[in-house]
Structure formats: structure tokens, C-alpha cells
């Protein structure tokens, strides 16, 4: 395994767990499945209809960049300069739950 692949796997494993949105977007949970792939589970709750909604995305990596596919678009996952913060392009900032 290349050094860059190893560092990406270490980064993904450090992101495992729950994340709360700062911007009111869906909260997310990052986990590793039995297939050794990492996934992002997004959860939102509609207070008006009292209904929750889940969506699961496989986290893909390419050249040390982690992202999820949202239709034809990619949303990049990246660390922010503050500890325990994560940024998802198009969704905003997240704090570890």
C-alpha cells in the first residue's frame, strides 16, 4: 500500500463517529463497513411532518482527496484548522458530536 493511501485511511479512521452540523444541514455519521469501505450516513429531521430521513454515501478517495457523490456532483470532505471540525463542500462545517 502506498504511503498516500495509508495516510488517507488514517485520516478516514480519525473521522469515524458522529458529526453535528453548524449550519443546520443534516447531521452525519462516518463509519467503516464490513467491506472495509468508509461511508457517510446523513440524518435530517423534518419537524413539520415529524419524520426523519436517512441517506448513505460511500466515501471515495482520489489523489488524497476524500469526497462523496451527490448525483453528478462531488462534495469534498476536509479537515478544518480547528480541532474536531470537518468541512463538507456544499453542506458546511461540522463539529464532532
PDB file of N, CA and C in Angstrom:
ATOM      1  N   UNK A   1       0.846  -1.178   0.000  1.00  0.00           N
ATOM      2  CA  UNK A   1       0.000   0.000   0.000  1.00  0.00           C
ATOM      3  C   UNK A   1       0.887   1.235   0.000  1.00  0.00           C
ATOM      4  N   UNK A   2       0.531   2.188  -0.828  1.00  0.00           N
ATOM      5  CA  UNK A   2       1.311   3.409  -0.913  1.00  0.00           C
ATOM      6  C   UNK A   2       1.160   4.232   0.352  1.00  0.00           C
ATOM      7  N   UNK A   3       2.153   5.094   0.584  1.00  0.00           N
ATOM      8  CA  UNK A   3       2.125   5.958   1.764  1.00  0.00           C
ATOM      9  C   UNK A   3       0.920   6.896   1.738  1.00  0.00           C
ATOM     10  N   UNK A   4       0.567   7.412   0.553  1.00  0.00           N
ATOM     11  CA  UNK A   4      -0.583   8.324   0.453  1.00  0.00           C
ATOM     12  C   UNK A   4      -1.888   7.600   0.768  1.00  0.00           C
ATOM     13  N   UNK A   5      -2.016   6.335   0.320  1.00  0.00           N
ATOM     14  CA  UNK A   5      -3.208   5.548   0.642  1.00  0.00           C
ATOM     15  C   UNK A   5      -3.297   5.298   2.139  1.00  0.00           C
ATOM     16  N   UNK A   6      -2.166   5.014   2.751  1.00  0.00           N
ATOM     17  CA  UNK A   6      -2.120   4.766   4.193  1.00  0.00           C
ATOM     18  C   UNK A   6      -2.528   6.020   4.967  1.00  0.00           C
ATOM     19  N   UNK A   7      -2.042   7.182   4.557  1.00  0.00           N
ATOM     20  CA  UNK A   7      -2.393   8.416   5.267  1.00  0.00           C
ATOM     21  C   UNK A   7      -3.871   8.752   5.076  1.00  0.00           C
ATOM     22  N   UNK A   8      -4.429   8.453   3.900  1.00  0.00           N
ATOM     23  CA  UNK A   8      -5.854   8.683   3.662  1.00  0.00           C
ATOM     24  C   UNK A   8      -6.695   7.775   4.549  1.00  0.00           C
ATOM     25  N   UNK A   9      -6.293   6.513   4.690  1.00  0.00           N
ATOM     26  CA  UNK A   9      -7.020   5.593   5.569  1.00  0.00           C
ATOM     27  C   UNK A   9      -6.946   6.038   7.023  1.00  0.00           C
ATOM     28  N   UNK A  10      -5.801   6.545   7.444  1.00  0.00           N
ATOM     29  CA  UNK A  10      -5.671   7.044   8.816  1.00  0.00           C
ATOM     30  C   UNK A  10      -6.561   8.264   9.022  1.00  0.00           C
ATOM     31  N   UNK A  11      -6.639   9.130   8.025  1.00  0.00           N
ATOM     32  CA  UNK A  11      -7.495  10.308   8.112  1.00  0.00           C
ATOM     33  C   UNK A  11      -8.959   9.890   8.226  1.00  0.00           C
ATOM     34  N   UNK A  12      -9.387   8.962   7.378  1.00  0.00           N
ATOM     35  CA  UNK A  12     -10.769   8.491   7.429  1.00  0.00           C
ATOM     36  C   UNK A  12     -11.089   7.839   8.771  1.00  0.00           C
ATOM     37  N   UNK A  13     -10.170   7.055   9.302  1.00  0.00           N
ATOM     38  CA  UNK A  13     -10.435   6.415  10.596  1.00  0.00           C
ATOM     39  C   UNK A  13     -10.520   7.445  11.713  1.00  0.00           C
ATOM     40  N   UNK A  14      -9.806   8.560  11.589  1.00  0.00           N
ATOM     41  CA  UNK A  14      -9.901   9.609  12.614  1.00  0.00           C
ATOM     42  C   UNK A  14     -11.231  10.358  12.530  1.00  0.00           C
ATOM     43  N   UNK A  15     -11.918  10.274  11.402  1.00  0.00           N
ATOM     44  CA  UNK A  15     -13.212  10.934  11.228  1.00  0.00           C
ATOM     45  C   UNK A  15     -14.380  10.061  11.668  1.00  0.00           C
ATOM     46  N   UNK A  16     -14.140   8.793  11.982  1.00  0.00           N
ATOM     47  CA  UNK A  16     -15.241   7.904  12.352  1.00  0.00           C
ATOM     48  C   UNK A  16     -16.008   8.455  13.541  1.00  0.00           C
ATOM     49  N   UNK A  17     -17.338   8.350  13.471  1.00  0.00           N
ATOM     50  CA  UNK A  17     -18.191   8.802  14.563  1.00  0.00           C
ATOM     51  C   UNK A  17     -19.198   9.829  14.095  1.00  0.00           C
ATOM     52  N   UNK A  18     -19.884  10.433  15.064  1.00  0.00           N
ATOM     53  CA  UNK A  18     -20.946  11.381  14.769  1.00  0.00           C
ATOM     54  C   UNK A  18     -20.448  12.804  14.631  1.00  0.00           C
ATOM     55  N   UNK A  19     -21.088  13.557  13.740  1.00  0.00           N
ATOM     56  CA  UNK A  19     -20.760  14.956  13.477  1.00  0.00           C
ATOM     57  C   UNK A  19     -22.049  15.761  13.410  1.00  0.00           C
ATOM     58  N   UNK A  20     -22.079  16.898  14.118  1.00  0.00           N
ATOM     59  CA  UNK A  20     -23.248  17.779  14.113  1.00  0.00           C
ATOM     60  C   UNK A  20     -22.979  18.986  13.233  1.00  0.00           C
ATOM     61  N   UNK A  21     -23.970  19.328  12.424  1.00  0.00           N
ATOM     62  CA  UNK A  21     -23.843  20.467  11.522  1.00  0.00           C
ATOM     63  C   UNK A  21     -23.926  21.778  12.285  1.00  0.00           C
ATOM     64  N   UNK A  22     -23.067  22.708  11.931  1.00  0.00           N
ATOM     65  CA  UNK A  22     -23.100  24.054  12.496  1.00  0.00           C
ATOM     66  C   UNK A  22     -24.133  24.894  11.739  1.00  0.00           C
ATOM     67  N   UNK A  23     -24.383  24.553  10.472  1.00  0.00           N
ATOM     68  CA  UNK A  23     -25.217  25.354   9.576  1.00  0.00           C
ATOM     69  C   UNK A  23     -26.666  24.888   9.481  1.00  0.00           C
ATOM     70  N   UNK A  24     -27.070  23.881  10.246  1.00  0.00           N
ATOM     71  CA  UNK A  24     -28.435  23.376  10.163  1.00  0.00           C
ATOM     72  C   UNK A  24     -28.651  22.355   9.061  1.00  0.00           C
ATOM     73  N   UNK A  25     -27.585  21.895   8.445  1.00  0.00           N
ATOM     74  CA  UNK A  25     -27.679  20.844   7.436  1.00  0.00           C
ATOM     75  C   UNK A  25     -27.792  19.492   8.134  1.00  0.00           C
ATOM     76  N   UNK A  26     -28.011  18.413   7.383  1.00  0.00           N
ATOM     77  CA  UNK A  26     -28.149  17.104   8.029  1.00  0.00           C
ATOM     78  C   UNK A  26     -26.916  16.746   8.864  1.00  0.00           C
ATOM     79  N   UNK A  27     -27.150  16.173  10.056  1.00  0.00           N
ATOM     80  CA  UNK A  27     -26.051  15.638  10.849  1.00  0.00           C
ATOM     81  C   UNK A  27     -25.550  14.380  10.151  1.00  0.00           C
ATOM     82  N   UNK A  28     -24.282  14.037  10.373  1.00  0.00           N
ATOM     83  CA  UNK A  28     -23.707  12.887   9.678  1.00  0.00           C
ATOM     84  C   UNK A  28     -22.990  11.965  10.655  1.00  0.00           C
ATOM     85  N   UNK A  29     -22.850  10.720  10.230  1.00  0.00           N
ATOM     86  CA  UNK A  29     -22.110   9.708  10.976  1.00  0.00           C
ATOM     87  C   UNK A  29     -21.208   9.007   9.972  1.00  0.00           C
ATOM     88  N   UNK A  30     -19.918   8.943  10.269  1.00  0.00           N
ATOM     89  CA  UNK A  30     -18.953   8.292   9.380  1.00  0.00           C
ATOM     90  C   UNK A  30     -18.551   6.963  10.008  1.00  0.00           C
ATOM     91  N   UNK A  31     -18.608   5.894   9.211  1.00  0.00           N
ATOM     92  CA  UNK A  31     -18.294   4.566   9.733  1.00  0.00           C
ATOM     93  C   UNK A  31     -17.623   3.716   8.664  1.00  0.00           C
ATOM     94  N   UNK A  32     -16.972   2.634   9.136  1.00  0.00           N
ATOM     95  CA  UNK A  32     -16.346   1.677   8.224  1.00  0.00           C
ATOM     96  C   UNK A  32     -17.196   0.416   8.224  1.00  0.00           C
ATOM     97  N   UNK A  33     -17.584  -0.027   7.043  1.00  0.00           N
ATOM     98  CA  UNK A  33     -18.442  -1.192   6.897  1.00  0.00           C
ATOM     99  C   UNK A  33     -17.575  -2.452   6.807  1.00  0.00           C
ATOM    100  N   UNK A  34     -18.220  -3.610   6.784  1.00  0.00           N
ATOM    101  CA  UNK A  34     -17.510  -4.888   6.715  1.00  0.00           C
ATOM    102  C   UNK A  34     -16.671  -5.025   5.455  1.00  0.00           C
ATOM    103  N   UNK A  35     -17.043  -4.307   4.401  1.00  0.00           N
ATOM    104  CA  UNK A  35     -16.275  -4.372   3.156  1.00  0.00           C
ATOM    105  C   UNK A  35     -15.020  -3.497   3.199  1.00  0.00           C
ATOM    106  N   UNK A  36     -14.722  -2.926   4.378  1.00  0.00           N
ATOM    107  CA  UNK A  36     -13.544  -2.093   4.636  1.00  0.00           C
ATOM    108  C   UNK A  36     -13.643  -0.720   3.965  1.00  0.00           C
ATOM    109  N   UNK A  37     -14.789  -0.400   3.376  1.00  0.00           N
ATOM    110  CA  UNK A  37     -15.031   0.915   2.790  1.00  0.00           C
ATOM    111  C   UNK A  37     -15.612   1.830   3.861  1.00  0.00           C
ATOM    112  N   UNK A  38     -15.405   3.128   3.688  1.00  0.00           N
ATOM    113  CA  UNK A  38     -15.969   4.111   4.612  1.00  0.00           C
ATOM    114  C   UNK A  38     -17.222   4.720   3.998  1.00  0.00           C
ATOM    115  N   UNK A  39     -18.200   4.987   4.875  1.00  0.00           N
ATOM    116  CA  UNK A  39     -19.478   5.534   4.448  1.00  0.00           C
ATOM    117  C   UNK A  39     -19.856   6.722   5.311  1.00  0.00           C
ATOM    118  N   UNK A  40     -20.653   7.618   4.724  1.00  0.00           N
ATOM    119  CA  UNK A  40     -21.197   8.764   5.429  1.00  0.00           C
ATOM    120  C   UNK A  40     -22.714   8.591   5.454  1.00  0.00           C
ATOM    121  N   UNK A  41     -23.272   8.538   6.655  1.00  0.00           N
ATOM    122  CA  UNK A  41     -24.711   8.426   6.840  1.00  0.00           C
ATOM    123  C   UNK A  41     -25.230   9.791   7.256  1.00  0.00           C
ATOM    124  N   UNK A  42     -26.110  10.375   6.449  1.00  0.00           N
ATOM    125  CA  UNK A  42     -26.674  11.700   6.738  1.00  0.00           C
ATOM    126  C   UNK A  42     -28.077  11.523   7.302  1.00  0.00           C
ATOM    127  N   UNK A  43     -28.385  12.291   8.372  1.00  0.00           N
ATOM    128  CA  UNK A  43     -29.692  12.211   9.007  1.00  0.00           C
ATOM    129  C   UNK A  43     -30.279  13.605   9.149  1.00  0.00           C
ATOM    130  N   UNK A  44     -31.507  13.757   8.707  1.00  0.00           N
ATOM    131  CA  UNK A  44     -32.213  15.029   8.906  1.00  0.00           C
ATOM    132  C   UNK A  44     -33.603  14.723   9.452  1.00  0.00           C
ATOM    133  N   UNK A  45     -34.159  15.694  10.182  1.00  0.00           N
ATOM    134  CA  UNK A  45     -35.471  15.522  10.801  1.00  0.00           C
ATOM    135  C   UNK A  45     -36.359  16.693  10.408  1.00  0.00           C
ATOM    136  N   UNK A  46     -37.513  16.386   9.864  1.00  0.00           N
ATOM    137  CA  UNK A  46     -38.483  17.403   9.468  1.00  0.00           C
ATOM    138  C   UNK A  46     -39.485  17.576  10.604  1.00  0.00           C
ATOM    139  N   UNK A  47     -39.402  18.700  11.308  1.00  0.00           N
ATOM    140  CA  UNK A  47     -40.279  18.939  12.460  1.00  0.00           C
ATOM    141  C   UNK A  47     -41.739  19.088  12.045  1.00  0.00           C
ATOM    142  N   UNK A  48     -41.974  19.667  10.879  1.00  0.00           N
ATOM    143  CA  UNK A  48     -43.346  19.883  10.428  1.00  0.00           C
ATOM    144  C   UNK A  48     -44.089  18.560  10.233  1.00  0.00           C
ATOM    145  N   UNK A  49     -43.421  17.591   9.599  1.00  0.00           N
ATOM    146  CA  UNK A  49     -44.050  16.296   9.328  1.00  0.00           C
ATOM    147  C   UNK A  49     -43.652  15.229  10.346  1.00  0.00           C
ATOM    148  N   UNK A  50     -42.794  15.597  11.297  1.00  0.00           N
ATOM    149  CA  UNK A  50     -42.299  14.674  12.328  1.00  0.00           C
ATOM    150  C   UNK A  50     -41.781  13.383  11.700  1.00  0.00           C
ATOM    151  N   UNK A  51     -40.885  13.567  10.745  1.00  0.00           N
ATOM    152  CA  UNK A  51     -40.350  12.425  10.011  1.00  0.00           C
ATOM    153  C   UNK A  51     -38.846  12.589   9.830  1.00  0.00           C
ATOM    154  N   UNK A  52     -38.116  11.511  10.050  1.00  0.00           N
ATOM    155  CA  UNK A  52     -36.677  11.515   9.828  1.00  0.00           C
ATOM    156  C   UNK A  52     -36.337  10.993   8.443  1.00  0.00           C
ATOM    157  N   UNK A  53     -35.165  11.371   7.960  1.00  0.00           N
ATOM    158  CA  UNK A  53     -34.728  10.954   6.641  1.00  0.00           C
ATOM    159  C   UNK A  53     -33.253  10.569   6.707  1.00  0.00           C
ATOM    160  N   UNK A  54     -32.916   9.401   6.169  1.00  0.00           N
ATOM    161  CA  UNK A  54     -31.540   8.929   6.139  1.00  0.00           C
ATOM    162  C   UNK A  54     -31.058   8.830   4.698  1.00  0.00           C
ATOM    163  N   UNK A  55     -29.778   9.092   4.493  1.00  0.00           N
ATOM    164  CA  UNK A  55     -29.134   8.871   3.198  1.00  0.00           C
ATOM    165  C   UNK A  55     -27.716   8.388   3.475  1.00  0.00           C
ATOM    166  N   UNK A  56     -27.270   7.383   2.726  1.00  0.00           N
ATOM    167  CA  UNK A  56     -25.935   6.815   2.940  1.00  0.00           C
ATOM    168  C   UNK A  56     -25.113   6.982   1.662  1.00  0.00           C
ATOM    169  N   UNK A  57     -23.873   7.456   1.834  1.00  0.00           N
ATOM    170  CA  UNK A  57     -22.969   7.704   0.707  1.00  0.00           C
ATOM    171  C   UNK A  57     -21.633   7.017   0.971  1.00  0.00           C
ATOM    172  N   UNK A  58     -21.084   6.385  -0.054  1.00  0.00           N
ATOM    173  CA  UNK A  58     -19.745   5.804   0.072  1.00  0.00           C
ATOM    174  C   UNK A  58     -18.732   6.929  -0.066  1.00  0.00           C
ATOM    175  N   UNK A  59     -17.760   6.967   0.839  1.00  0.00           N
ATOM    176  CA  UNK A  59     -16.692   7.964   0.760  1.00  0.00           C
ATOM    177  C   UNK A  59     -15.632   7.434  -0.196  1.00  0.00           C
ATOM    178  N   UNK A  60     -15.387   8.174  -1.233  1.00  0.00           N
ATOM    179  CA  UNK A  60     -14.407   7.784  -2.237  1.00  0.00           C
ATOM    180  C   UNK A  60     -13.159   8.635  -2.073  1.00  0.00           C
ATOM    181  N   UNK A  61     -12.023   8.092  -2.503  1.00  0.00           N
ATOM    182  CA  UNK A  61     -10.765   8.827  -2.409  1.00  0.00           C
ATOM    183  C   UNK A  61     -10.084   8.830  -3.776  1.00  0.00           C
ATOM    184  N   UNK A  62      -9.438   9.949  -4.038  1.00  0.00           N
ATOM    185  CA  UNK A  62      -8.689  10.091  -5.285  1.00  0.00           C
ATOM    186  C   UNK A  62      -7.610  11.134  -5.055  1.00  0.00           C
ATOM    187  N   UNK A  63      -6.359  10.719  -5.185  1.00  0.00           N
ATOM    188  CA  UNK A  63      -5.216  11.619  -5.008  1.00  0.00           C
ATOM    189  C   UNK A  63      -5.291  12.374  -3.678  1.00  0.00           C
ATOM    190  N   UNK A  64      -5.476  11.646  -2.584  1.00  0.00           N
ATOM    191  CA  UNK A  64      -5.534  12.193  -1.219  1.00  0.00           C
ATOM    192  C   UNK A  64      -6.719  13.123  -0.977  1.00  0.00           C
ATOM    193  N   UNK A  65      -7.738  13.049  -1.808  1.00  0.00           N
ATOM    194  CA  UNK A  65      -8.956  13.837  -1.618  1.00  0.00           C
ATOM    195  C   UNK A  65     -10.095  12.871  -1.321  1.00  0.00           C
ATOM    196  N   UNK A  66     -10.838  13.141  -0.243  1.00  0.00           N
ATOM    197  CA  UNK A  66     -11.991  12.327   0.120  1.00  0.00           C
ATOM    198  C   UNK A  66     -13.254  13.069  -0.296  1.00  0.00           C
ATOM    199  N   UNK A  67     -14.198  12.356  -0.900  1.00  0.00           N
ATOM    200  CA  UNK A  67     -15.425  13.003  -1.349  1.00  0.00           C
ATOM    201  C   UNK A  67     -16.573  11.999  -1.387  1.00  0.00           C
ATOM    202  N   UNK A  68     -17.788  12.530  -1.442  1.00  0.00           N
ATOM    203  CA  UNK A  68     -18.979  11.720  -1.666  1.00  0.00           C
ATOM    204  C   UNK A  68     -19.625  12.206  -2.956  1.00  0.00           C
ATOM    205  N   UNK A  69     -20.319  11.314  -3.628  1.00  0.00           N
ATOM    206  CA  UNK A  69     -21.024  11.676  -4.864  1.00  0.00           C
ATOM    207  C   UNK A  69     -22.470  12.021  -4.527  1.00  0.00           C
ATOM    208  N   UNK A  70     -22.896  13.180  -4.994  1.00  0.00           N
ATOM    209  CA  UNK A  70     -24.286  13.612  -4.866  1.00  0.00           C
ATOM    210  C   UNK A  70     -24.819  13.824  -6.275  1.00  0.00           C
ATOM    211  N   UNK A  71     -25.323  12.769  -6.863  1.00  0.00           N
ATOM    212  CA  UNK A  71     -25.730  12.831  -8.267  1.00  0.00           C
ATOM    213  C   UNK A  71     -24.502  12.998  -9.140  1.00  0.00           C
ATOM    214  N   UNK A  72     -24.484  14.053  -9.926  1.00  0.00           N
ATOM    215  CA  UNK A  72     -23.347  14.319 -10.805  1.00  0.00           C
ATOM    216  C   UNK A  72     -22.254  15.131 -10.113  1.00  0.00           C
ATOM    217  N   UNK A  73     -22.538  15.621  -8.921  1.00  0.00           N
ATOM    218  CA  UNK A  73     -21.587  16.473  -8.202  1.00  0.00           C
ATOM    219  C   UNK A  73     -20.803  15.690  -7.158  1.00  0.00           C
ATOM    220  N   UNK A  74     -19.651  16.222  -6.799  1.00  0.00           N
ATOM    221  CA  UNK A  74     -18.842  15.676  -5.715  1.00  0.00           C
ATOM    222  C   UNK A  74     -18.818  16.686  -4.579  1.00  0.00           C
ATOM    223  N   UNK A  75     -18.945  16.205  -3.357  1.00  0.00           N
ATOM    224  CA  UNK A  75     -18.776  17.057  -2.178  1.00  0.00           C
ATOM    225  C   UNK A  75     -17.534  16.577  -1.445  1.00  0.00           C
ATOM    226  N   UNK A  76     -16.540  17.437  -1.369  1.00  0.00           N
ATOM    227  CA  UNK A  76     -15.259  17.085  -0.757  1.00  0.00           C
ATOM    228  C   UNK A  76     -15.343  17.173   0.760  1.00  0.00           C
ATOM    229  N   UNK A  77     -14.719  16.214   1.438  1.00  0.00           N
ATOM    230  CA  UNK A  77     -14.606  16.212   2.889  1.00  0.00           C
ATOM    231  C   UNK A  77     -13.191  16.644   3.233  1.00  0.00           C
ATOM    232  N   UNK A  78     -13.063  17.586   4.153  1.00  0.00           N
ATOM    233  CA  UNK A  78     -11.732  18.060   4.529  1.00  0.00           C
ATOM    234  C   UNK A  78     -11.731  18.512   5.978  1.00  0.00           C
ATOM    235  N   UNK A  79     -10.550  18.440   6.584  1.00  0.00           N
ATOM    236  CA  UNK A  79     -10.386  18.928   7.948  1.00  0.00           C
ATOM    237  C   UNK A  79     -10.318  20.446   7.924  1.00  0.00           C
ATOM    238  N   UNK A  80     -10.809  21.058   8.987  1.00  0.00           N
ATOM    239  CA  UNK A  80     -10.658  22.494   9.134  1.00  0.00           C
ATOM    240  C   UNK A  80      -9.500  22.754  10.082  1.00  0.00           C
ATOM    241  N   UNK A  81      -9.121  24.015  10.217  1.00  0.00           N
ATOM    242  CA  UNK A  81      -7.938  24.331  11.018  1.00  0.00           C
ATOM    243  C   UNK A  81      -8.175  24.156  12.510  1.00  0.00           C
ATOM    244  N   UNK A  82      -9.435  24.116  12.944  1.00  0.00           N
ATOM    245  CA  UNK A  82      -9.739  23.940  14.365  1.00  0.00           C
ATOM    246  C   UNK A  82      -9.867  22.456  14.681  1.00  0.00           C
ATOM    247  N   UNK A  83      -9.498  22.048  15.895  1.00  0.00           N
ATOM    248  CA  UNK A  83      -9.612  20.627  16.242  1.00  0.00           C
ATOM    249  C   UNK A  83     -11.074  20.173  16.263  1.00  0.00           C
ATOM    250  N   UNK A  84     -11.289  18.935  15.910  1.00  0.00           N
ATOM    251  CA  UNK A  84     -12.605  18.295  15.939  1.00  0.00           C
ATOM    252  C   UNK A  84     -13.612  18.974  15.022  1.00  0.00           C
ATOM    253  N   UNK A  85     -13.154  19.508  13.897  1.00  0.00           N
ATOM    254  CA  UNK A  85     -14.062  20.100  12.916  1.00  0.00           C
ATOM    255  C   UNK A  85     -13.822  19.481  11.540  1.00  0.00           C
ATOM    256  N   UNK A  86     -14.889  19.399  10.786  1.00  0.00           N
ATOM    257  CA  UNK A  86     -14.878  18.792   9.465  1.00  0.00           C
ATOM    258  C   UNK A  86     -15.665  19.709   8.537  1.00  0.00           C
ATOM    259  N   UNK A  87     -15.250  19.798   7.282  1.00  0.00           N
ATOM    260  CA  UNK A  87     -15.993  20.602   6.307  1.00  0.00           C
ATOM    261  C   UNK A  87     -16.401  19.711   5.144  1.00  0.00           C
ATOM    262  N   UNK A  88     -17.666  19.821   4.748  1.00  0.00           N
ATOM    263  CA  UNK A  88     -18.177  19.099   3.589  1.00  0.00           C
ATOM    264  C   UNK A  88     -18.642  20.151   2.589  1.00  0.00           C
ATOM    265  N   UNK A  89     -18.030  20.146   1.413  1.00  0.00           N
ATOM    266  CA  UNK A  89     -18.351  21.142   0.394  1.00  0.00           C
ATOM    267  C   UNK A  89     -19.846  21.109   0.083  1.00  0.00           C
ATOM    268  N   UNK A  90     -20.473  22.270   0.151  1.00  0.00           N
ATOM    269  CA  UNK A  90     -21.898  22.381  -0.125  1.00  0.00           C
ATOM    270  C   UNK A  90     -22.780  22.165   1.088  1.00  0.00           C
ATOM    271  N   UNK A  91     -22.230  21.550   2.134  1.00  0.00           N
ATOM    272  CA  UNK A  91     -23.005  21.286   3.352  1.00  0.00           C
ATOM    273  C   UNK A  91     -22.534  22.146   4.507  1.00  0.00           C
ATOM    274  N   UNK A  92     -21.300  22.567   4.511  1.00  0.00           N
ATOM    275  CA  UNK A  92     -20.794  23.437   5.561  1.00  0.00           C
ATOM    276  C   UNK A  92     -19.917  22.729   6.574  1.00  0.00           C
ATOM    277  N   UNK A  93     -19.832  23.335   7.764  1.00  0.00           N
ATOM    278  CA  UNK A  93     -18.931  22.866   8.819  1.00  0.00           C
ATOM    279  C   UNK A  93     -19.656  21.961   9.810  1.00  0.00           C
ATOM    280  N   UNK A  94     -18.870  21.054  10.391  1.00  0.00           N
ATOM    281  CA  UNK A  94     -19.394  20.085  11.350  1.00  0.00           C
ATOM    282  C   UNK A  94     -18.475  20.011  12.561  1.00  0.00           C
ATOM    283  N   UNK A  95     -19.086  19.802  13.731  1.00  0.00           N
ATOM    284  CA  UNK A  95     -18.353  19.561  14.971  1.00  0.00           C
ATOM    285  C   UNK A  95     -18.575  18.120  15.396  1.00  0.00           C
ATOM    286  N   UNK A  96     -17.547  17.532  15.994  1.00  0.00           N
ATOM    287  CA  UNK A  96     -17.688  16.157  16.475  1.00  0.00           C
ATOM    288  C   UNK A  96     -18.771  16.113  17.551  1.00  0.00           C
ATOM    289  N   UNK A  97     -19.677  15.159  17.419  1.00  0.00           N
ATOM    290  CA  UNK A  97     -20.808  15.041  18.360  1.00  0.00           C
ATOM    291  C   UNK A  97     -20.378  14.360  19.643  1.00  0.00           C
TER     292      UNK A  97
END
